[in-house]
Amino acid sequence: MQKEEGEMGGGGGEAQMEMVGKAFVKHYYGLFDAGSRPALAGLYHPSTSILSFEGRRFDGADSIGRHLSKLPFELCRHMVATVDCQGSPFAAGGILVFVTGSLQLVGEEHVQPQL
C-alpha cells in the first residue's frame, strides 16, 4: 500500500518529521558534546550537505568533518532552545532541521548564544 504525502501514519507526516528531527538533534549534539566530533561526518551527505559556521561555508561530509575536528576546544555543552523541522524541497523524504540555542565551553563561565 502506497501512502500519499502527509500520510506517514502514527500521527501524520508533520508529527513523524518532528519526532525524527528531534531524535537527530539529540543524537548529533550528544556526539558533539561527548567529544566524538569525527563521528559527525557520517551524518552528512558526502556531496550535498552544507554547514555554515561563523560566516564560512563547508560543502560535503569530508569538508564538514575536517572543520568540526579542528575546532579549538575538546568538550562543550549545547543547550537547545528550539528545533524546527520541515520537509526538504531538495531531497524526497528529507528533513531540514533548524536548531537555535547556546553552547558552553568546558571551563568557561559564559554561555555562547549560538548553535
N, C-alpha and C. Protein backbone atom coordinates (compact mmCIF):
# COMPACT_ATOMS: atom_id res chain seq x y z
N MET A 1 0.84 -1.18 0.00
CA MET A 1 0.00 0.00 0.00
C MET A 1 0.88 1.24 0.00
N GLN A 2 0.66 2.12 -0.93
CA GLN A 2 1.43 3.34 -1.04
C GLN A 2 0.71 4.46 -0.30
N LYS A 3 1.47 5.22 0.49
CA LYS A 3 0.87 6.32 1.25
C LYS A 3 1.08 7.63 0.53
N GLU A 4 0.09 8.47 0.57
CA GLU A 4 0.18 9.80 -0.01
C GLU A 4 1.02 10.69 0.91
N GLU A 5 1.57 11.78 0.35
CA GLU A 5 2.34 12.71 1.15
C GLU A 5 1.49 13.22 2.30
N GLY A 6 2.08 13.24 3.49
CA GLY A 6 1.35 13.68 4.67
C GLY A 6 0.66 12.54 5.39
N GLU A 7 0.64 11.34 4.79
CA GLU A 7 0.01 10.18 5.42
C GLU A 7 1.07 9.19 5.87
N MET A 8 1.96 9.62 6.74
CA MET A 8 3.05 8.77 7.17
C MET A 8 2.65 7.86 8.32
N GLY A 9 1.45 7.98 8.78
CA GLY A 9 0.97 7.13 9.86
C GLY A 9 1.49 7.60 11.21
N GLY A 10 0.94 7.04 12.28
CA GLY A 10 1.42 7.34 13.62
C GLY A 10 1.38 8.82 13.97
N GLY A 11 0.33 9.51 13.60
CA GLY A 11 0.19 10.91 13.97
C GLY A 11 0.41 11.86 12.81
N GLY A 12 0.59 11.34 11.62
CA GLY A 12 0.73 12.19 10.45
C GLY A 12 2.17 12.52 10.15
N GLY A 13 2.36 13.04 8.95
CA GLY A 13 3.70 13.33 8.45
C GLY A 13 4.45 14.36 9.27
N GLU A 14 3.77 15.45 9.65
CA GLU A 14 4.44 16.50 10.41
C GLU A 14 4.90 16.01 11.77
N ALA A 15 4.06 15.23 12.44
CA ALA A 15 4.43 14.71 13.76
C ALA A 15 5.62 13.76 13.65
N GLN A 16 5.62 12.93 12.62
CA GLN A 16 6.72 12.00 12.43
C GLN A 16 8.01 12.75 12.08
N MET A 17 7.90 13.77 11.23
CA MET A 17 9.05 14.59 10.88
C MET A 17 9.65 15.24 12.13
N GLU A 18 8.79 15.77 12.97
CA GLU A 18 9.22 16.42 14.21
C GLU A 18 9.92 15.42 15.11
N MET A 19 9.38 14.23 15.23
CA MET A 19 9.98 13.19 16.08
C MET A 19 11.36 12.79 15.55
N VAL A 20 11.48 12.57 14.26
CA VAL A 20 12.76 12.19 13.65
C VAL A 20 13.77 13.32 13.80
N GLY A 21 13.34 14.55 13.52
CA GLY A 21 14.23 15.70 13.63
C GLY A 21 14.76 15.89 15.04
N LYS A 22 13.90 15.79 16.03
CA LYS A 22 14.32 15.97 17.42
C LYS A 22 15.24 14.83 17.88
N ALA A 23 14.97 13.61 17.43
CA ALA A 23 15.85 12.48 17.75
C ALA A 23 17.23 12.70 17.13
N PHE A 24 17.25 13.21 15.90
CA PHE A 24 18.52 13.50 15.23
C PHE A 24 19.30 14.56 16.01
N VAL A 25 18.65 15.63 16.43
CA VAL A 25 19.31 16.70 17.17
C VAL A 25 19.89 16.16 18.47
N LYS A 26 19.14 15.34 19.17
CA LYS A 26 19.63 14.75 20.42
C LYS A 26 20.86 13.89 20.16
N HIS A 27 20.83 13.08 19.12
CA HIS A 27 21.97 12.22 18.77
C HIS A 27 23.18 13.07 18.35
N TYR A 28 22.95 14.04 17.47
CA TYR A 28 24.02 14.88 16.94
C TYR A 28 24.75 15.62 18.07
N TYR A 29 24.00 16.34 18.90
CA TYR A 29 24.64 17.12 19.95
C TYR A 29 25.17 16.23 21.08
N GLY A 30 24.60 15.05 21.24
CA GLY A 30 25.17 14.09 22.19
C GLY A 30 26.57 13.68 21.77
N LEU A 31 26.75 13.35 20.48
CA LEU A 31 28.08 13.01 19.96
C LEU A 31 29.02 14.21 20.08
N PHE A 32 28.54 15.37 19.67
CA PHE A 32 29.36 16.57 19.68
C PHE A 32 29.85 16.87 21.09
N ASP A 33 28.94 16.87 22.05
CA ASP A 33 29.28 17.24 23.42
C ASP A 33 30.17 16.21 24.11
N ALA A 34 30.12 14.97 23.65
CA ALA A 34 30.96 13.92 24.23
C ALA A 34 32.36 13.91 23.63
N GLY A 35 32.62 14.82 22.71
CA GLY A 35 33.93 14.88 22.08
C GLY A 35 34.09 13.92 20.92
N SER A 36 33.00 13.41 20.39
CA SER A 36 33.04 12.45 19.27
C SER A 36 32.79 13.15 17.94
N ARG A 37 33.37 14.31 17.75
CA ARG A 37 33.11 15.09 16.53
C ARG A 37 33.49 14.37 15.24
N PRO A 38 34.56 13.56 15.20
CA PRO A 38 34.85 12.86 13.93
C PRO A 38 33.69 11.98 13.46
N ALA A 39 32.92 11.44 14.39
CA ALA A 39 31.78 10.59 14.04
C ALA A 39 30.65 11.38 13.38
N LEU A 40 30.64 12.69 13.55
CA LEU A 40 29.57 13.51 12.98
C LEU A 40 29.62 13.54 11.46
N ALA A 41 30.79 13.38 10.87
CA ALA A 41 30.91 13.43 9.40
C ALA A 41 30.01 12.39 8.75
N GLY A 42 29.82 11.26 9.39
CA GLY A 42 28.96 10.21 8.85
C GLY A 42 27.49 10.57 8.81
N LEU A 43 27.11 11.65 9.47
CA LEU A 43 25.72 12.08 9.47
C LEU A 43 25.42 13.04 8.32
N TYR A 44 26.45 13.42 7.58
CA TYR A 44 26.29 14.35 6.47
C TYR A 44 26.38 13.60 5.14
N HIS A 45 25.66 14.09 4.14
CA HIS A 45 25.72 13.51 2.80
C HIS A 45 27.10 13.83 2.21
N PRO A 46 27.72 12.86 1.52
CA PRO A 46 29.07 13.07 1.01
C PRO A 46 29.24 14.30 0.10
N SER A 47 28.21 14.62 -0.69
CA SER A 47 28.41 15.72 -1.63
C SER A 47 27.42 16.88 -1.49
N THR A 48 26.25 16.66 -0.94
CA THR A 48 25.25 17.73 -0.95
C THR A 48 25.04 18.44 0.38
N SER A 49 25.61 17.92 1.46
CA SER A 49 25.43 18.59 2.76
C SER A 49 26.24 19.87 2.82
N ILE A 50 25.68 20.84 3.54
CA ILE A 50 26.33 22.14 3.72
C ILE A 50 26.27 22.51 5.20
N LEU A 51 27.40 23.00 5.71
CA LEU A 51 27.45 23.54 7.07
C LEU A 51 27.90 24.98 6.97
N SER A 52 27.13 25.89 7.56
CA SER A 52 27.53 27.29 7.67
C SER A 52 27.93 27.52 9.11
N PHE A 53 29.12 28.09 9.30
CA PHE A 53 29.62 28.27 10.65
C PHE A 53 30.45 29.55 10.69
N GLU A 54 30.00 30.52 11.46
CA GLU A 54 30.70 31.79 11.65
C GLU A 54 31.10 32.43 10.32
N GLY A 55 30.15 32.47 9.39
CA GLY A 55 30.37 33.13 8.12
C GLY A 55 31.13 32.32 7.08
N ARG A 56 31.48 31.09 7.41
CA ARG A 56 32.20 30.23 6.46
C ARG A 56 31.28 29.09 6.04
N ARG A 57 31.50 28.60 4.82
CA ARG A 57 30.67 27.52 4.28
C ARG A 57 31.55 26.29 4.03
N PHE A 58 31.05 25.13 4.44
CA PHE A 58 31.74 23.86 4.24
C PHE A 58 30.80 22.94 3.48
N ASP A 59 31.28 22.41 2.36
CA ASP A 59 30.47 21.57 1.47
C ASP A 59 30.91 20.12 1.53
N GLY A 60 29.96 19.22 1.77
CA GLY A 60 30.22 17.79 1.75
C GLY A 60 30.72 17.27 3.09
N ALA A 61 30.51 15.97 3.30
CA ALA A 61 30.82 15.33 4.58
C ALA A 61 32.30 15.45 4.95
N ASP A 62 33.21 15.27 4.00
CA ASP A 62 34.64 15.33 4.32
C ASP A 62 35.05 16.72 4.81
N SER A 63 34.61 17.75 4.09
CA SER A 63 34.96 19.11 4.47
C SER A 63 34.35 19.48 5.83
N ILE A 64 33.12 19.10 6.04
CA ILE A 64 32.44 19.37 7.31
C ILE A 64 33.14 18.63 8.45
N GLY A 65 33.45 17.36 8.23
CA GLY A 65 34.12 16.56 9.24
C GLY A 65 35.48 17.14 9.63
N ARG A 66 36.25 17.57 8.63
CA ARG A 66 37.56 18.18 8.91
C ARG A 66 37.40 19.44 9.74
N HIS A 67 36.42 20.27 9.37
CA HIS A 67 36.20 21.51 10.12
C HIS A 67 35.81 21.21 11.57
N LEU A 68 34.87 20.32 11.77
CA LEU A 68 34.41 20.01 13.13
C LEU A 68 35.54 19.43 13.97
N SER A 69 36.40 18.64 13.35
CA SER A 69 37.51 18.02 14.08
C SER A 69 38.58 19.04 14.48
N LYS A 70 38.64 20.15 13.77
CA LYS A 70 39.67 21.17 14.03
C LYS A 70 39.20 22.29 14.96
N LEU A 71 37.98 22.22 15.46
CA LEU A 71 37.51 23.27 16.35
C LEU A 71 38.44 23.35 17.56
N PRO A 72 38.72 24.55 18.06
CA PRO A 72 39.76 24.74 19.08
C PRO A 72 39.34 24.42 20.51
N PHE A 73 38.46 23.45 20.69
CA PHE A 73 38.07 23.04 22.04
C PHE A 73 37.72 21.56 22.00
N GLU A 74 37.88 20.92 23.14
CA GLU A 74 37.60 19.48 23.23
C GLU A 74 36.12 19.21 23.51
N LEU A 75 35.66 19.69 24.64
CA LEU A 75 34.30 19.39 25.08
C LEU A 75 33.50 20.68 25.24
N CYS A 76 32.21 20.57 25.03
CA CYS A 76 31.30 21.68 25.27
C CYS A 76 29.93 21.11 25.62
N ARG A 77 29.03 21.99 25.95
CA ARG A 77 27.65 21.57 26.27
C ARG A 77 26.71 22.46 25.48
N HIS A 78 25.88 21.83 24.66
CA HIS A 78 24.87 22.55 23.89
C HIS A 78 23.56 22.59 24.67
N MET A 79 22.93 23.74 24.64
CA MET A 79 21.61 23.90 25.24
C MET A 79 20.65 24.30 24.12
N VAL A 80 19.88 23.34 23.66
CA VAL A 80 18.97 23.56 22.53
C VAL A 80 17.74 24.31 23.02
N ALA A 81 17.43 25.41 22.33
CA ALA A 81 16.25 26.20 22.68
C ALA A 81 15.06 25.82 21.80
N THR A 82 15.29 25.73 20.49
CA THR A 82 14.21 25.38 19.57
C THR A 82 14.71 24.43 18.50
N VAL A 83 13.81 23.57 18.05
CA VAL A 83 14.07 22.68 16.92
C VAL A 83 12.88 22.82 15.98
N ASP A 84 13.14 23.21 14.75
CA ASP A 84 12.09 23.37 13.75
C ASP A 84 12.39 22.41 12.61
N CYS A 85 11.46 21.54 12.29
CA CYS A 85 11.65 20.54 11.24
C CYS A 85 10.63 20.76 10.13
N GLN A 86 11.11 20.60 8.91
CA GLN A 86 10.20 20.69 7.76
C GLN A 86 10.74 19.81 6.65
N GLY A 87 9.84 19.41 5.78
CA GLY A 87 10.24 18.59 4.65
C GLY A 87 11.22 19.32 3.76
N SER A 88 12.15 18.59 3.20
CA SER A 88 13.15 19.20 2.33
C SER A 88 12.63 19.31 0.91
N PRO A 89 12.74 20.50 0.31
CA PRO A 89 12.36 20.63 -1.09
C PRO A 89 13.46 20.09 -2.02
N PHE A 90 14.60 19.73 -1.44
CA PHE A 90 15.76 19.30 -2.22
C PHE A 90 15.90 17.79 -2.32
N ALA A 91 15.35 17.06 -1.36
CA ALA A 91 15.51 15.60 -1.34
C ALA A 91 14.19 14.96 -0.91
N ALA A 92 13.66 14.09 -1.73
CA ALA A 92 12.41 13.40 -1.39
C ALA A 92 12.60 12.63 -0.09
N GLY A 93 11.72 12.86 0.86
CA GLY A 93 11.78 12.18 2.15
C GLY A 93 12.77 12.80 3.11
N GLY A 94 13.49 13.84 2.67
CA GLY A 94 14.47 14.50 3.53
C GLY A 94 13.81 15.47 4.49
N ILE A 95 14.53 15.80 5.54
CA ILE A 95 14.03 16.72 6.56
C ILE A 95 15.07 17.80 6.78
N LEU A 96 14.65 19.05 6.73
CA LEU A 96 15.51 20.16 7.12
C LEU A 96 15.28 20.42 8.60
N VAL A 97 16.35 20.50 9.36
CA VAL A 97 16.25 20.71 10.80
C VAL A 97 16.99 22.00 11.14
N PHE A 98 16.27 22.96 11.72
CA PHE A 98 16.84 24.23 12.13
C PHE A 98 16.89 24.24 13.66
N VAL A 99 18.05 24.54 14.21
CA VAL A 99 18.25 24.48 15.66
C VAL A 99 18.76 25.84 16.14
N THR A 100 18.19 26.32 17.24
CA THR A 100 18.72 27.50 17.91
C THR A 100 19.03 27.13 19.34
N GLY A 101 19.93 27.87 19.93
CA GLY A 101 20.29 27.62 21.31
C GLY A 101 21.62 28.24 21.64
N SER A 102 22.31 27.66 22.58
CA SER A 102 23.60 28.19 23.00
C SER A 102 24.53 27.04 23.34
N LEU A 103 25.80 27.37 23.49
CA LEU A 103 26.75 26.36 23.91
C LEU A 103 27.68 26.95 24.95
N GLN A 104 28.19 26.08 25.78
CA GLN A 104 29.11 26.50 26.82
C GLN A 104 30.34 25.61 26.74
N LEU A 105 31.50 26.25 26.64
CA LEU A 105 32.74 25.51 26.60
C LEU A 105 33.13 25.08 28.00
N VAL A 106 33.70 23.89 28.12
CA VAL A 106 34.14 23.39 29.42
C VAL A 106 35.21 24.34 29.96
N GLY A 107 35.04 24.76 31.20
CA GLY A 107 35.98 25.68 31.82
C GLY A 107 35.63 27.14 31.63
N GLU A 108 34.63 27.43 30.83
CA GLU A 108 34.19 28.81 30.60
C GLU A 108 32.92 29.06 31.41
N GLU A 109 32.81 30.25 31.95
CA GLU A 109 31.62 30.61 32.71
C GLU A 109 30.51 31.14 31.84
N HIS A 110 30.87 31.78 30.73
CA HIS A 110 29.88 32.44 29.89
C HIS A 110 29.36 31.50 28.81
N VAL A 111 28.07 31.59 28.57
CA VAL A 111 27.41 30.81 27.54
C VAL A 111 27.50 31.56 26.22
N GLN A 112 27.79 30.85 25.14
CA GLN A 112 27.85 31.43 23.80
C GLN A 112 26.47 31.31 23.17
N PRO A 113 25.80 32.42 22.82
CA PRO A 113 24.42 32.37 22.32
C PRO A 113 24.30 32.00 20.84
N GLN A 114 24.74 30.81 20.47
CA GLN A 114 24.58 30.39 19.08
C GLN A 114 24.71 28.89 18.98
N LEU A 115 24.04 28.34 17.99
CA LEU A 115 24.21 26.92 17.62
C LEU A 115 24.40 26.86 16.15
